[in-house]
N, C-alpha and C. Protein backbone atom coordinates (compact mmCIF):
# COMPACT_ATOMS: atom_id res chain seq x y z
N MET A 1 0.85 -1.16 0.00
CA MET A 1 0.00 0.00 0.00
C MET A 1 0.90 1.23 0.00
N PRO A 2 0.52 2.38 0.57
CA PRO A 2 1.40 3.53 0.46
C PRO A 2 2.77 3.27 1.08
N THR A 3 3.80 3.53 0.30
CA THR A 3 5.18 3.37 0.74
C THR A 3 5.96 4.61 0.34
N HIS A 4 6.85 5.03 1.22
CA HIS A 4 7.67 6.20 0.92
C HIS A 4 9.05 5.97 1.51
N ALA A 5 10.08 6.22 0.71
CA ALA A 5 11.46 6.17 1.17
C ALA A 5 12.13 7.46 0.74
N GLU A 6 12.91 8.02 1.63
CA GLU A 6 13.52 9.32 1.33
C GLU A 6 14.88 9.39 2.02
N GLU A 7 15.82 10.03 1.35
CA GLU A 7 17.15 10.25 1.92
C GLU A 7 17.47 11.73 1.83
N ARG A 8 17.99 12.29 2.94
CA ARG A 8 18.37 13.70 2.95
C ARG A 8 19.68 13.88 3.68
N LEU A 9 20.48 14.78 3.16
CA LEU A 9 21.66 15.24 3.87
C LEU A 9 21.25 16.50 4.62
N VAL A 10 21.38 16.47 5.94
CA VAL A 10 20.95 17.61 6.75
C VAL A 10 22.13 18.12 7.58
N PRO A 11 22.15 19.41 7.88
CA PRO A 11 23.30 20.01 8.57
C PRO A 11 23.23 19.89 10.09
N TYR A 12 22.84 18.73 10.58
CA TYR A 12 22.77 18.46 12.01
C TYR A 12 23.48 17.15 12.28
N SER A 13 23.88 16.93 13.52
CA SER A 13 24.62 15.72 13.84
C SER A 13 23.70 14.50 13.93
N GLN A 14 24.32 13.35 13.84
CA GLN A 14 23.61 12.08 13.99
C GLN A 14 22.88 12.05 15.34
N ASP A 15 23.56 12.45 16.41
CA ASP A 15 22.95 12.45 17.74
C ASP A 15 21.76 13.40 17.82
N GLN A 16 21.89 14.58 17.22
CA GLN A 16 20.79 15.55 17.26
C GLN A 16 19.54 15.00 16.58
N LEU A 17 19.72 14.42 15.39
CA LEU A 17 18.56 13.90 14.66
C LEU A 17 17.95 12.70 15.37
N PHE A 18 18.80 11.84 15.91
CA PHE A 18 18.30 10.69 16.66
C PHE A 18 17.43 11.17 17.83
N GLU A 19 17.93 12.12 18.62
CA GLU A 19 17.19 12.62 19.78
C GLU A 19 15.85 13.22 19.37
N LEU A 20 15.84 13.94 18.26
CA LEU A 20 14.62 14.57 17.78
C LEU A 20 13.55 13.53 17.44
N VAL A 21 13.94 12.49 16.71
CA VAL A 21 12.99 11.44 16.31
C VAL A 21 12.58 10.60 17.52
N ALA A 22 13.50 10.36 18.45
CA ALA A 22 13.20 9.53 19.62
C ALA A 22 12.31 10.23 20.64
N ASP A 23 12.16 11.54 20.54
CA ASP A 23 11.36 12.31 21.50
C ASP A 23 9.89 12.33 21.10
N VAL A 24 9.29 11.15 21.09
CA VAL A 24 7.93 10.94 20.60
C VAL A 24 6.90 11.80 21.34
N GLY A 25 7.10 12.02 22.62
CA GLY A 25 6.14 12.80 23.40
C GLY A 25 5.95 14.22 22.92
N LYS A 26 6.92 14.75 22.18
CA LYS A 26 6.82 16.12 21.68
C LYS A 26 6.26 16.21 20.26
N TYR A 27 5.93 15.10 19.65
CA TYR A 27 5.42 15.12 18.27
C TYR A 27 4.24 16.07 18.06
N PRO A 28 3.26 16.13 18.98
CA PRO A 28 2.12 17.03 18.72
C PRO A 28 2.53 18.50 18.62
N GLN A 29 3.69 18.86 19.14
CA GLN A 29 4.14 20.25 19.07
C GLN A 29 4.54 20.68 17.67
N PHE A 30 4.86 19.69 16.80
CA PHE A 30 5.38 20.10 15.49
C PHE A 30 4.94 19.24 14.32
N LEU A 31 4.40 18.07 14.55
CA LEU A 31 4.02 17.20 13.43
C LEU A 31 2.58 17.47 12.99
N PRO A 32 2.39 17.74 11.70
CA PRO A 32 1.02 17.91 11.23
C PRO A 32 0.23 16.63 11.44
N TRP A 33 -0.98 16.76 11.80
CA TRP A 33 -1.92 15.65 12.01
C TRP A 33 -1.67 14.84 13.28
N CYS A 34 -0.60 15.10 14.01
CA CYS A 34 -0.39 14.41 15.29
C CYS A 34 -1.02 15.28 16.37
N THR A 35 -2.16 14.85 16.88
CA THR A 35 -2.90 15.67 17.83
C THR A 35 -2.62 15.32 19.28
N ALA A 36 -2.07 14.12 19.53
CA ALA A 36 -1.74 13.73 20.90
C ALA A 36 -0.69 12.63 20.87
N ALA A 37 0.12 12.59 21.94
CA ALA A 37 1.13 11.53 22.09
C ALA A 37 1.24 11.21 23.58
N ARG A 38 1.26 9.93 23.88
CA ARG A 38 1.43 9.50 25.26
C ARG A 38 2.45 8.36 25.28
N VAL A 39 3.55 8.60 25.94
CA VAL A 39 4.56 7.56 26.09
C VAL A 39 4.16 6.72 27.30
N ARG A 40 3.82 5.46 27.06
CA ARG A 40 3.37 4.56 28.13
C ARG A 40 4.53 4.05 28.97
N THR A 41 5.57 3.59 28.28
CA THR A 41 6.77 3.09 28.96
C THR A 41 7.98 3.53 28.16
N ARG A 42 9.10 3.69 28.88
CA ARG A 42 10.33 4.09 28.19
C ARG A 42 11.53 3.54 28.94
N THR A 43 12.44 2.92 28.18
CA THR A 43 13.75 2.53 28.69
C THR A 43 14.78 3.19 27.79
N ALA A 44 16.04 2.88 28.02
CA ALA A 44 17.10 3.47 27.19
C ALA A 44 17.04 2.95 25.76
N THR A 45 16.43 1.78 25.55
CA THR A 45 16.45 1.16 24.21
C THR A 45 15.08 0.97 23.58
N GLU A 46 14.01 1.29 24.31
CA GLU A 46 12.68 1.04 23.75
C GLU A 46 11.64 1.90 24.45
N LEU A 47 10.60 2.25 23.69
CA LEU A 47 9.45 2.91 24.28
C LEU A 47 8.19 2.39 23.62
N VAL A 48 7.09 2.48 24.36
CA VAL A 48 5.78 2.15 23.83
C VAL A 48 4.96 3.43 23.92
N ALA A 49 4.35 3.83 22.81
CA ALA A 49 3.64 5.11 22.77
C ALA A 49 2.33 4.99 22.03
N ASP A 50 1.37 5.80 22.46
CA ASP A 50 0.10 5.98 21.76
C ASP A 50 0.17 7.32 21.04
N LEU A 51 -0.10 7.30 19.74
CA LEU A 51 -0.17 8.53 18.96
C LEU A 51 -1.58 8.67 18.41
N THR A 52 -2.11 9.87 18.46
CA THR A 52 -3.41 10.16 17.85
C THR A 52 -3.16 11.03 16.64
N ILE A 53 -3.68 10.55 15.50
CA ILE A 53 -3.57 11.32 14.26
C ILE A 53 -4.96 11.77 13.85
N GLY A 54 -5.04 12.97 13.32
CA GLY A 54 -6.32 13.49 12.88
C GLY A 54 -6.14 14.28 11.60
N PHE A 55 -7.03 14.05 10.66
CA PHE A 55 -7.06 14.84 9.44
C PHE A 55 -8.50 14.84 8.96
N GLY A 56 -8.99 16.04 8.66
CA GLY A 56 -10.40 16.16 8.27
C GLY A 56 -11.28 15.57 9.37
N PRO A 57 -12.27 14.77 8.97
CA PRO A 57 -13.18 14.19 9.97
C PRO A 57 -12.60 12.95 10.67
N PHE A 58 -11.41 12.54 10.29
CA PHE A 58 -10.84 11.30 10.83
C PHE A 58 -9.93 11.58 12.03
N ARG A 59 -10.06 10.73 13.04
CA ARG A 59 -9.19 10.79 14.22
C ARG A 59 -8.99 9.37 14.70
N GLU A 60 -7.74 8.93 14.74
CA GLU A 60 -7.43 7.56 15.13
C GLU A 60 -6.23 7.55 16.07
N THR A 61 -6.27 6.63 17.04
CA THR A 61 -5.15 6.43 17.95
C THR A 61 -4.55 5.06 17.71
N PHE A 62 -3.23 5.00 17.71
CA PHE A 62 -2.56 3.72 17.54
C PHE A 62 -1.39 3.61 18.51
N THR A 63 -1.01 2.37 18.80
CA THR A 63 0.09 2.08 19.71
C THR A 63 1.25 1.49 18.92
N SER A 64 2.44 1.97 19.22
CA SER A 64 3.65 1.47 18.56
C SER A 64 4.72 1.17 19.61
N ARG A 65 5.55 0.21 19.28
CA ARG A 65 6.75 -0.10 20.06
C ARG A 65 7.93 0.45 19.26
N VAL A 66 8.68 1.33 19.87
CA VAL A 66 9.76 2.04 19.19
C VAL A 66 11.10 1.56 19.75
N SER A 67 11.90 0.95 18.89
CA SER A 67 13.23 0.48 19.28
C SER A 67 14.25 1.56 18.98
N LEU A 68 15.04 1.89 19.99
CA LEU A 68 16.02 2.97 19.90
C LEU A 68 17.42 2.38 19.85
N HIS A 69 18.03 2.44 18.68
CA HIS A 69 19.39 1.94 18.48
C HIS A 69 20.31 3.15 18.36
N ARG A 70 20.61 3.74 19.50
CA ARG A 70 21.33 5.00 19.58
C ARG A 70 22.74 4.89 19.01
N PRO A 71 23.18 5.81 18.18
CA PRO A 71 22.49 6.95 17.59
C PRO A 71 22.12 6.74 16.12
N GLU A 72 22.14 5.48 15.66
CA GLU A 72 22.02 5.29 14.21
C GLU A 72 20.67 4.86 13.67
N ARG A 73 19.74 4.43 14.55
CA ARG A 73 18.51 3.86 13.98
C ARG A 73 17.34 3.95 14.97
N VAL A 74 16.15 4.20 14.42
CA VAL A 74 14.89 4.12 15.17
C VAL A 74 13.94 3.26 14.35
N ASP A 75 13.45 2.17 14.95
CA ASP A 75 12.49 1.27 14.30
C ASP A 75 11.15 1.37 15.00
N VAL A 76 10.09 1.53 14.23
CA VAL A 76 8.75 1.61 14.79
C VAL A 76 7.99 0.36 14.40
N ARG A 77 7.50 -0.36 15.40
CA ARG A 77 6.70 -1.57 15.17
C ARG A 77 5.28 -1.31 15.67
N TYR A 78 4.35 -1.44 14.79
CA TYR A 78 2.94 -1.23 15.10
C TYR A 78 2.43 -2.33 16.02
N GLU A 79 1.62 -1.94 17.03
CA GLU A 79 1.04 -2.93 17.94
C GLU A 79 -0.48 -2.97 17.91
N ARG A 80 -1.13 -1.79 17.92
CA ARG A 80 -2.59 -1.80 18.02
C ARG A 80 -3.15 -0.50 17.43
N GLY A 81 -4.31 -0.63 16.78
CA GLY A 81 -4.97 0.56 16.24
C GLY A 81 -5.60 0.31 14.89
N PRO A 82 -5.69 1.36 14.06
CA PRO A 82 -6.46 1.30 12.82
C PRO A 82 -5.73 0.70 11.62
N PHE A 83 -4.49 0.27 11.79
CA PHE A 83 -3.72 -0.23 10.65
C PHE A 83 -3.78 -1.75 10.55
N ARG A 84 -3.64 -2.24 9.34
CA ARG A 84 -3.34 -3.67 9.14
C ARG A 84 -1.88 -3.89 9.51
N TYR A 85 -1.04 -2.94 9.07
CA TYR A 85 0.38 -2.96 9.41
C TYR A 85 0.94 -1.56 9.26
N LEU A 86 2.06 -1.33 9.92
CA LEU A 86 2.79 -0.07 9.82
C LEU A 86 4.26 -0.40 10.05
N ASN A 87 5.09 -0.07 9.09
CA ASN A 87 6.54 -0.21 9.21
C ASN A 87 7.16 1.16 9.02
N ASN A 88 8.01 1.54 9.95
CA ASN A 88 8.65 2.85 9.87
C ASN A 88 10.09 2.72 10.40
N VAL A 89 11.04 3.20 9.61
CA VAL A 89 12.45 3.12 9.99
C VAL A 89 13.12 4.46 9.71
N TRP A 90 13.92 4.91 10.66
CA TRP A 90 14.78 6.08 10.49
C TRP A 90 16.22 5.61 10.64
N LEU A 91 17.08 5.97 9.70
CA LEU A 91 18.51 5.67 9.78
C LEU A 91 19.28 6.98 9.75
N PHE A 92 20.31 7.09 10.59
CA PHE A 92 21.11 8.31 10.70
C PHE A 92 22.58 7.93 10.50
N LYS A 93 23.19 8.50 9.46
CA LYS A 93 24.59 8.19 9.16
C LYS A 93 25.41 9.48 9.21
N PRO A 94 26.51 9.47 9.97
CA PRO A 94 27.35 10.68 10.04
C PRO A 94 27.89 11.04 8.65
N HIS A 95 28.04 12.32 8.43
CA HIS A 95 28.55 12.84 7.15
C HIS A 95 29.39 14.08 7.47
N ALA A 96 30.36 14.37 6.65
CA ALA A 96 31.21 15.54 6.88
C ALA A 96 30.41 16.84 6.97
N ASP A 97 29.26 16.90 6.29
CA ASP A 97 28.43 18.10 6.30
C ASP A 97 27.23 17.98 7.23
N GLY A 98 27.22 16.99 8.11
CA GLY A 98 26.10 16.82 9.03
C GLY A 98 25.73 15.37 9.20
N CYS A 99 24.58 15.00 8.66
CA CYS A 99 24.05 13.65 8.83
C CYS A 99 23.19 13.30 7.61
N VAL A 100 23.32 12.07 7.15
CA VAL A 100 22.42 11.56 6.11
C VAL A 100 21.29 10.83 6.82
N VAL A 101 20.07 11.26 6.55
CA VAL A 101 18.88 10.66 7.16
C VAL A 101 18.16 9.86 6.10
N ASN A 102 17.89 8.60 6.40
CA ASN A 102 17.06 7.76 5.55
C ASN A 102 15.77 7.49 6.31
N PHE A 103 14.65 7.73 5.64
CA PHE A 103 13.33 7.57 6.24
C PHE A 103 12.53 6.62 5.36
N PHE A 104 11.86 5.65 5.98
CA PHE A 104 11.02 4.70 5.25
C PHE A 104 9.73 4.51 6.03
N VAL A 105 8.61 4.54 5.32
CA VAL A 105 7.32 4.23 5.94
C VAL A 105 6.48 3.44 4.95
N ASP A 106 5.78 2.45 5.47
CA ASP A 106 4.90 1.60 4.68
C ASP A 106 3.75 1.20 5.60
N PHE A 107 2.52 1.39 5.16
CA PHE A 107 1.39 1.05 6.02
C PHE A 107 0.14 0.78 5.20
N GLU A 108 -0.83 0.19 5.87
CA GLU A 108 -2.15 -0.01 5.28
C GLU A 108 -3.17 0.08 6.41
N PHE A 109 -4.21 0.89 6.20
CA PHE A 109 -5.30 0.98 7.16
C PHE A 109 -6.22 -0.23 7.01
N ARG A 110 -6.86 -0.62 8.11
CA ARG A 110 -7.88 -1.67 8.05
C ARG A 110 -9.11 -1.18 7.28
N SER A 111 -9.45 0.08 7.50
CA SER A 111 -10.63 0.68 6.89
C SER A 111 -10.34 1.09 5.45
N ARG A 112 -11.17 0.63 4.53
CA ARG A 112 -11.01 1.05 3.13
C ARG A 112 -11.26 2.54 2.96
N LEU A 113 -12.17 3.09 3.76
CA LEU A 113 -12.45 4.52 3.70
C LEU A 113 -11.22 5.33 4.10
N LEU A 114 -10.59 4.96 5.22
CA LEU A 114 -9.36 5.65 5.64
C LEU A 114 -8.25 5.48 4.62
N GLN A 115 -8.12 4.27 4.09
CA GLN A 115 -7.08 4.00 3.10
C GLN A 115 -7.29 4.86 1.86
N ALA A 116 -8.52 4.97 1.41
CA ALA A 116 -8.82 5.80 0.24
C ALA A 116 -8.54 7.27 0.53
N ALA A 117 -8.90 7.72 1.73
CA ALA A 117 -8.69 9.12 2.09
C ALA A 117 -7.21 9.47 2.14
N ILE A 118 -6.40 8.64 2.76
CA ILE A 118 -4.97 8.94 2.86
C ILE A 118 -4.26 8.71 1.52
N GLY A 119 -4.75 7.78 0.73
CA GLY A 119 -4.12 7.50 -0.55
C GLY A 119 -4.04 8.71 -1.45
N VAL A 120 -5.06 9.56 -1.38
CA VAL A 120 -5.13 10.75 -2.21
C VAL A 120 -4.04 11.75 -1.84
N VAL A 121 -3.71 11.84 -0.55
CA VAL A 121 -2.78 12.87 -0.08
C VAL A 121 -1.49 12.30 0.50
N PHE A 122 -1.25 11.01 0.33
CA PHE A 122 -0.15 10.34 1.01
C PHE A 122 1.21 10.99 0.75
N ASN A 123 1.58 11.16 -0.51
CA ASN A 123 2.90 11.71 -0.81
C ASN A 123 3.08 13.10 -0.23
N GLU A 124 2.06 13.93 -0.33
CA GLU A 124 2.15 15.27 0.23
C GLU A 124 2.22 15.21 1.76
N ALA A 125 1.46 14.32 2.37
CA ALA A 125 1.46 14.18 3.83
C ALA A 125 2.84 13.77 4.34
N VAL A 126 3.46 12.81 3.68
CA VAL A 126 4.79 12.36 4.10
C VAL A 126 5.81 13.47 3.88
N ARG A 127 5.72 14.16 2.77
CA ARG A 127 6.63 15.27 2.50
C ARG A 127 6.52 16.33 3.60
N LEU A 128 5.29 16.66 4.00
CA LEU A 128 5.08 17.64 5.06
C LEU A 128 5.61 17.14 6.40
N MET A 129 5.47 15.85 6.66
CA MET A 129 5.95 15.28 7.91
C MET A 129 7.48 15.36 7.99
N VAL A 130 8.17 14.98 6.92
CA VAL A 130 9.63 15.05 6.91
C VAL A 130 10.07 16.51 7.05
N ALA A 131 9.40 17.41 6.35
CA ALA A 131 9.73 18.84 6.45
C ALA A 131 9.51 19.34 7.88
N ALA A 132 8.49 18.83 8.57
CA ALA A 132 8.23 19.23 9.95
C ALA A 132 9.37 18.82 10.87
N PHE A 133 9.92 17.63 10.66
CA PHE A 133 11.07 17.21 11.46
C PHE A 133 12.27 18.12 11.20
N LEU A 134 12.48 18.51 9.96
CA LEU A 134 13.61 19.39 9.64
C LEU A 134 13.41 20.79 10.22
N ARG A 135 12.17 21.29 10.20
CA ARG A 135 11.89 22.58 10.83
C ARG A 135 12.12 22.49 12.34
N ARG A 136 11.70 21.37 12.92
CA ARG A 136 11.90 21.17 14.36
C ARG A 136 13.40 21.17 14.69
N ALA A 137 14.20 20.52 13.86
CA ALA A 137 15.65 20.52 14.07
C ALA A 137 16.19 21.95 14.05
N ARG A 138 15.74 22.73 13.09
CA ARG A 138 16.18 24.12 13.00
C ARG A 138 15.74 24.91 14.23
N ASP A 139 14.50 24.68 14.69
CA ASP A 139 14.00 25.40 15.86
C ASP A 139 14.75 25.01 17.14
N VAL A 140 15.08 23.74 17.28
CA VAL A 140 15.74 23.24 18.49
C VAL A 140 17.24 23.50 18.46
N TYR A 141 17.88 23.26 17.32
CA TYR A 141 19.34 23.30 17.24
C TYR A 141 19.88 24.54 16.54
N GLY A 142 19.00 25.34 15.95
CA GLY A 142 19.43 26.55 15.27
C GLY A 142 19.60 26.33 13.77
N ALA A 143 19.58 27.45 13.05
CA ALA A 143 19.75 27.39 11.60
C ALA A 143 21.19 27.04 11.28
N SER A 144 21.41 26.52 10.10
CA SER A 144 22.75 26.14 9.67
C SER A 144 22.99 26.67 8.27
N GLN A 145 24.24 26.94 7.95
CA GLN A 145 24.58 27.43 6.61
C GLN A 145 24.11 26.46 5.54
N GLY A 146 24.17 25.17 5.83
CA GLY A 146 23.80 24.17 4.84
C GLY A 146 22.35 24.23 4.43
N MET A 147 21.53 24.92 5.24
CA MET A 147 20.12 24.99 4.92
C MET A 147 19.76 26.29 4.23
N GLY A 148 20.73 27.16 4.03
CA GLY A 148 20.42 28.44 3.40
C GLY A 148 19.35 29.16 4.20
N GLY A 149 18.57 29.98 3.58
CA GLY A 149 17.51 30.67 4.28
C GLY A 149 16.18 29.98 4.14
N THR A 150 16.14 28.87 3.43
CA THR A 150 14.86 28.26 3.12
C THR A 150 14.41 27.24 4.14
N GLY A 151 15.35 26.70 4.92
CA GLY A 151 14.98 25.63 5.84
C GLY A 151 14.77 24.31 5.12
N ALA A 152 15.16 24.23 3.86
CA ALA A 152 14.96 23.01 3.09
C ALA A 152 16.27 22.56 2.45
N PRO A 153 16.96 21.60 3.09
CA PRO A 153 18.19 21.12 2.49
C PRO A 153 17.92 20.29 1.25
N ALA A 154 19.00 19.93 0.56
CA ALA A 154 18.87 19.10 -0.64
C ALA A 154 18.13 17.82 -0.31
N VAL A 155 17.36 17.35 -1.26
CA VAL A 155 16.54 16.17 -1.02
C VAL A 155 16.67 15.21 -2.19
N THR A 156 16.69 13.93 -1.86
CA THR A 156 16.69 12.89 -2.87
C THR A 156 15.61 11.90 -2.50
N PRO A 157 14.32 12.23 -2.72
CA PRO A 157 13.27 11.30 -2.33
C PRO A 157 13.13 10.16 -3.34
N THR A 158 12.74 9.01 -2.84
CA THR A 158 12.38 7.89 -3.70
C THR A 158 11.05 7.38 -3.22
N ARG A 159 10.19 7.04 -4.13
CA ARG A 159 8.86 6.53 -3.77
C ARG A 159 8.65 5.21 -4.45
N ARG A 160 7.96 4.33 -3.75
CA ARG A 160 7.65 3.02 -4.33
C ARG A 160 6.16 2.84 -4.41
């Protein structure tokens, strides 16, 4: 069903990007459509969280188990909610100019209505989500020369 893979070189460190993605409780502050987040349990290597997403008339809550492989990887495993499945992986690789971020998401809703609704806007929604993480990095860690004045570093998206 909808799948998106994207790679970006960003002017922030591997540790900074890892911390940003791992801070699930703050997602409602900056992620479009994320209306609530509750971290149920957290250890140094794993957390379980409930996220509520809303767009238009739709509002759904789902539970995920997030594996934290500091500082190079975050894996999200779906546990409960409106999806048939959800796979999400973030990879962070050090680079002389910052960090190369690889993002992958693949999911399918149980509801055909929800699937049809998101299918229409999926690519734009994922693009906005990735951009929101980059804006959050700029807000938390400051602007960088590599981002120019636009807040949008070079991008090499791939879609399947």
